[in-house]
Amino acid sequence: MKKIASLLITGAMLVSILPVMNVSAAYSGGSGTQADPYLIGSTSDWTEFRKYIDSDGDQGAGEYWKLTEDLDFTNSEGKKDWVTKIASYDTENGGTVFKGNLNGNGHVIKNYEINAEQIDNNTHMAYGLFSAIGGDAV
């Protein structure tokens, strides 16, 4: 009986840490601190980075990322792939901006396209890899 109880407790402990493990698995490593930045080593990591910034209430403020590889967004047809911008900002309504720290670490991001659009004569969406940066972004 003690053996079964021990196995059940061990199993419950393992299940309880799975959500924590999934958070860090979104990147190629790291914990997001200056000493241990999140590691971006693939276009999938870049996509997770974008999704995180777009959903994070403080838009990455005080968090750190570092490229570990060149990122090539060439698609399966050998053409530049469409990449969604990080953050979402327009000149009239504001919006989200990137406020974190990204170290390019000597790597490049290449072969992507981003569609720019004008909302009306006075309002323009900000486009680029980052729609806009703010706060103490680096």
C-alpha atoms as a PDB file:
ATOM      1  CA  MET A   1       0.000   0.000   0.000  1.00  0.00           C
ATOM      2  CA  LYS A   2       2.879   2.385   0.807  1.00  0.00           C
ATOM      3  CA  LYS A   3       4.379   1.662  -2.619  1.00  0.00           C
ATOM      4  CA  ILE A   4       1.135   2.606  -4.426  1.00  0.00           C
ATOM      5  CA  ALA A   5       0.771   5.793  -2.374  1.00  0.00           C
ATOM      6  CA  SER A   6       4.384   6.694  -3.140  1.00  0.00           C
ATOM      7  CA  LEU A   7       3.836   6.160  -6.890  1.00  0.00           C
ATOM      8  CA  LEU A   8       0.653   8.258  -6.843  1.00  0.00           C
ATOM      9  CA  ILE A   9       2.397  11.112  -5.026  1.00  0.00           C
ATOM     10  CA  THR A  10       5.359  10.971  -7.436  1.00  0.00           C
ATOM     11  CA  GLY A  11       3.003  10.978 -10.427  1.00  0.00           C
ATOM     12  CA  ALA A  12       1.059  13.946  -9.046  1.00  0.00           C
ATOM     13  CA  MET A  13       4.287  15.874  -8.512  1.00  0.00           C
ATOM     14  CA  LEU A  14       5.410  15.223 -12.081  1.00  0.00           C
ATOM     15  CA  VAL A  15       2.059  16.306 -13.512  1.00  0.00           C
ATOM     16  CA  SER A  16       2.130  19.487 -11.414  1.00  0.00           C
ATOM     17  CA  ILE A  17       5.406  20.646 -12.999  1.00  0.00           C
ATOM     18  CA  LEU A  18       4.360  19.994 -16.620  1.00  0.00           C
ATOM     19  CA  PRO A  19       2.883  23.485 -17.195  1.00  0.00           C
ATOM     20  CA  VAL A  20       6.154  25.049 -16.033  1.00  0.00           C
ATOM     21  CA  MET A  21       8.124  22.838 -18.390  1.00  0.00           C
ATOM     22  CA  ASN A  22       5.874  23.795 -21.331  1.00  0.00           C
ATOM     23  CA  VAL A  23       6.490  27.518 -20.807  1.00  0.00           C
ATOM     24  CA  SER A  24      10.252  27.193 -21.160  1.00  0.00           C
ATOM     25  CA  ALA A  25       9.895  24.685 -24.007  1.00  0.00           C
ATOM     26  CA  ALA A  26       8.481  27.483 -26.208  1.00  0.00           C
ATOM     27  CA  TYR A  27      12.067  28.606 -26.903  1.00  0.00           C
ATOM     28  CA  SER A  28      15.360  26.776 -27.380  1.00  0.00           C
ATOM     29  CA  GLY A  29      16.173  27.384 -23.718  1.00  0.00           C
ATOM     30  CA  GLY A  30      16.644  30.104 -21.149  1.00  0.00           C
ATOM     31  CA  SER A  31      14.508  31.592 -18.420  1.00  0.00           C
ATOM     32  CA  GLY A  32      14.166  35.167 -19.706  1.00  0.00           C
ATOM     33  CA  THR A  33      16.578  36.843 -17.293  1.00  0.00           C
ATOM     34  CA  GLN A  34      19.571  38.958 -18.262  1.00  0.00           C
ATOM     35  CA  ALA A  35      21.928  36.176 -17.122  1.00  0.00           C
ATOM     36  CA  ASP A  36      19.850  33.439 -18.803  1.00  0.00           C
ATOM     37  CA  PRO A  37      17.890  34.939 -21.738  1.00  0.00           C
ATOM     38  CA  TYR A  38      15.276  33.015 -23.693  1.00  0.00           C
ATOM     39  CA  LEU A  39      17.100  31.480 -26.671  1.00  0.00           C
ATOM     40  CA  ILE A  40      15.714  31.939 -30.170  1.00  0.00           C
ATOM     41  CA  GLY A  41      17.321  29.422 -32.502  1.00  0.00           C
ATOM     42  CA  SER A  42      14.590  28.766 -35.086  1.00  0.00           C
ATOM     43  CA  THR A  43      11.757  30.445 -36.934  1.00  0.00           C
ATOM     44  CA  SER A  44       9.389  28.509 -34.637  1.00  0.00           C
ATOM     45  CA  ASP A  45      11.079  30.132 -31.630  1.00  0.00           C
ATOM     46  CA  TRP A  46      10.612  33.521 -33.322  1.00  0.00           C
ATOM     47  CA  THR A  47       6.891  32.799 -33.773  1.00  0.00           C
ATOM     48  CA  GLU A  48       6.568  31.883 -30.080  1.00  0.00           C
ATOM     49  CA  PHE A  49       8.424  35.094 -29.191  1.00  0.00           C
ATOM     50  CA  ARG A  50       5.956  37.148 -31.264  1.00  0.00           C
ATOM     51  CA  LYS A  51       2.930  35.397 -29.781  1.00  0.00           C
ATOM     52  CA  TYR A  52       4.253  35.949 -26.267  1.00  0.00           C
ATOM     53  CA  ILE A  53       4.867  39.697 -26.754  1.00  0.00           C
ATOM     54  CA  ASP A  54       1.447  40.139 -28.357  1.00  0.00           C
ATOM     55  CA  SER A  55      -0.277  38.497 -25.371  1.00  0.00           C
ATOM     56  CA  ASP A  56       1.952  39.748 -22.525  1.00  0.00           C
ATOM     57  CA  GLY A  57       0.423  42.551 -20.456  1.00  0.00           C
ATOM     58  CA  ASP A  58       3.740  44.404 -20.103  1.00  0.00           C
ATOM     59  CA  GLN A  59       4.936  43.571 -23.659  1.00  0.00           C
ATOM     60  CA  GLY A  60       8.163  41.889 -22.513  1.00  0.00           C
ATOM     61  CA  ALA A  61       9.395  44.673 -20.211  1.00  0.00           C
ATOM     62  CA  GLY A  62      12.336  43.478 -18.140  1.00  0.00           C
ATOM     63  CA  GLU A  63      12.673  40.209 -20.086  1.00  0.00           C
ATOM     64  CA  TYR A  64      15.564  39.086 -22.288  1.00  0.00           C
ATOM     65  CA  TRP A  65      15.884  37.103 -25.550  1.00  0.00           C
ATOM     66  CA  LYS A  66      18.959  36.173 -27.590  1.00  0.00           C
ATOM     67  CA  LEU A  67      19.312  34.826 -31.126  1.00  0.00           C
ATOM     68  CA  THR A  68      21.479  31.710 -31.276  1.00  0.00           C
ATOM     69  CA  GLU A  69      21.203  31.098 -35.042  1.00  0.00           C
ATOM     70  CA  ASP A  70      20.499  33.039 -38.227  1.00  0.00           C
ATOM     71  CA  LEU A  71      16.756  32.900 -38.937  1.00  0.00           C
ATOM     72  CA  ASP A  72      15.809  32.241 -42.559  1.00  0.00           C
ATOM     73  CA  PHE A  73      12.107  32.530 -43.313  1.00  0.00           C
ATOM     74  CA  THR A  74      12.359  31.057 -46.823  1.00  0.00           C
ATOM     75  CA  ASN A  75       9.204  28.974 -47.310  1.00  0.00           C
ATOM     76  CA  SER A  76       8.902  25.480 -48.790  1.00  0.00           C
ATOM     77  CA  GLU A  77       8.569  26.978 -52.296  1.00  0.00           C
ATOM     78  CA  GLY A  78      11.902  28.775 -51.951  1.00  0.00           C
ATOM     79  CA  LYS A  79      10.242  32.202 -51.618  1.00  0.00           C
ATOM     80  CA  LYS A  80      10.231  34.774 -48.837  1.00  0.00           C
ATOM     81  CA  ASP A  81       7.631  33.882 -46.263  1.00  0.00           C
ATOM     82  CA  TRP A  82       5.139  36.281 -44.682  1.00  0.00           C
ATOM     83  CA  VAL A  83       6.027  37.131 -41.097  1.00  0.00           C
ATOM     84  CA  THR A  84       3.605  38.722 -38.643  1.00  0.00           C
ATOM     85  CA  LYS A  85       5.000  41.798 -36.915  1.00  0.00           C
ATOM     86  CA  ILE A  86       5.739  41.841 -33.202  1.00  0.00           C
ATOM     87  CA  ALA A  87       3.328  44.131 -31.321  1.00  0.00           C
ATOM     88  CA  SER A  88       0.506  46.060 -32.972  1.00  0.00           C
ATOM     89  CA  TYR A  89       0.636  49.833 -33.155  1.00  0.00           C
ATOM     90  CA  ASP A  90      -1.077  52.475 -35.247  1.00  0.00           C
ATOM     91  CA  THR A  91      -0.403  56.208 -35.325  1.00  0.00           C
ATOM     92  CA  GLU A  92      -3.851  57.239 -34.129  1.00  0.00           C
ATOM     93  CA  ASN A  93      -4.858  54.657 -31.541  1.00  0.00           C
ATOM     94  CA  GLY A  94      -1.507  53.573 -30.141  1.00  0.00           C
ATOM     95  CA  GLY A  95      -1.481  49.897 -29.249  1.00  0.00           C
ATOM     96  CA  THR A  96       1.208  47.508 -28.121  1.00  0.00           C
ATOM     97  CA  VAL A  97       4.951  48.036 -28.391  1.00  0.00           C
ATOM     98  CA  PHE A  98       7.942  45.788 -27.657  1.00  0.00           C
ATOM     99  CA  LYS A  99       9.492  46.766 -24.312  1.00  0.00           C
ATOM    100  CA  GLY A 100      11.968  43.908 -23.794  1.00  0.00           C
ATOM    101  CA  ASN A 101      15.600  43.220 -24.625  1.00  0.00           C
ATOM    102  CA  LEU A 102      16.618  41.336 -27.784  1.00  0.00           C
ATOM    103  CA  ASN A 103      20.281  40.527 -28.403  1.00  0.00           C
ATOM    104  CA  GLY A 104      20.878  39.708 -32.067  1.00  0.00           C
ATOM    105  CA  ASN A 105      24.179  38.120 -31.015  1.00  0.00           C
ATOM    106  CA  GLY A 106      25.661  38.725 -34.506  1.00  0.00           C
ATOM    107  CA  HIS A 107      22.919  36.774 -36.278  1.00  0.00           C
ATOM    108  CA  VAL A 108      20.602  37.878 -39.084  1.00  0.00           C
ATOM    109  CA  ILE A 109      16.899  37.500 -39.797  1.00  0.00           C
ATOM    110  CA  LYS A 110      16.269  37.176 -43.530  1.00  0.00           C
ATOM    111  CA  ASN A 111      13.894  36.233 -46.325  1.00  0.00           C
ATOM    112  CA  TYR A 112      10.640  37.538 -44.925  1.00  0.00           C
ATOM    113  CA  GLU A 113       7.942  39.915 -46.137  1.00  0.00           C
ATOM    114  CA  ILE A 114       5.642  42.108 -44.089  1.00  0.00           C
ATOM    115  CA  ASN A 115       2.629  43.831 -45.627  1.00  0.00           C
ATOM    116  CA  ALA A 116       2.288  47.529 -44.768  1.00  0.00           C
ATOM    117  CA  GLU A 117      -1.138  49.113 -44.855  1.00  0.00           C
ATOM    118  CA  GLN A 118      -2.648  52.557 -44.534  1.00  0.00           C
ATOM    119  CA  ILE A 119      -5.903  52.699 -42.562  1.00  0.00           C
ATOM    120  CA  ASP A 120      -6.957  56.137 -43.823  1.00  0.00           C
ATOM    121  CA  ASN A 121      -5.252  59.421 -44.799  1.00  0.00           C
ATOM    122  CA  ASN A 122      -4.085  60.156 -41.245  1.00  0.00           C
ATOM    123  CA  THR A 123      -3.686  56.745 -39.633  1.00  0.00           C
ATOM    124  CA  HIS A 124      -0.979  54.284 -40.592  1.00  0.00           C
ATOM    125  CA  MET A 125      -0.176  50.920 -39.114  1.00  0.00           C
ATOM    126  CA  ALA A 126       3.440  50.631 -37.997  1.00  0.00           C
ATOM    127  CA  TYR A 127       5.116  47.652 -39.658  1.00  0.00           C
ATOM    128  CA  GLY A 128       8.484  45.968 -39.614  1.00  0.00           C
ATOM    129  CA  LEU A 129       9.726  43.034 -37.615  1.00  0.00           C
ATOM    130  CA  PHE A 130       8.649  45.149 -34.646  1.00  0.00           C
ATOM    131  CA  SER A 131       5.577  47.336 -35.107  1.00  0.00           C
ATOM    132  CA  ALA A 132       6.988  49.702 -32.505  1.00  0.00           C
ATOM    133  CA  ILE A 133       9.372  49.664 -29.565  1.00  0.00           C
ATOM    134  CA  GLY A 134       9.004  51.607 -26.332  1.00  0.00           C
ATOM    135  CA  GLY A 135       9.767  51.692 -22.651  1.00  0.00           C
ATOM    136  CA  ASP A 136      13.340  50.602 -22.063  1.00  0.00           C
ATOM    137  CA  ALA A 137      13.473  48.313 -25.122  1.00  0.00           C
ATOM    138  CA  VAL A 138      16.912  47.334 -26.359  1.00  0.00           C
END
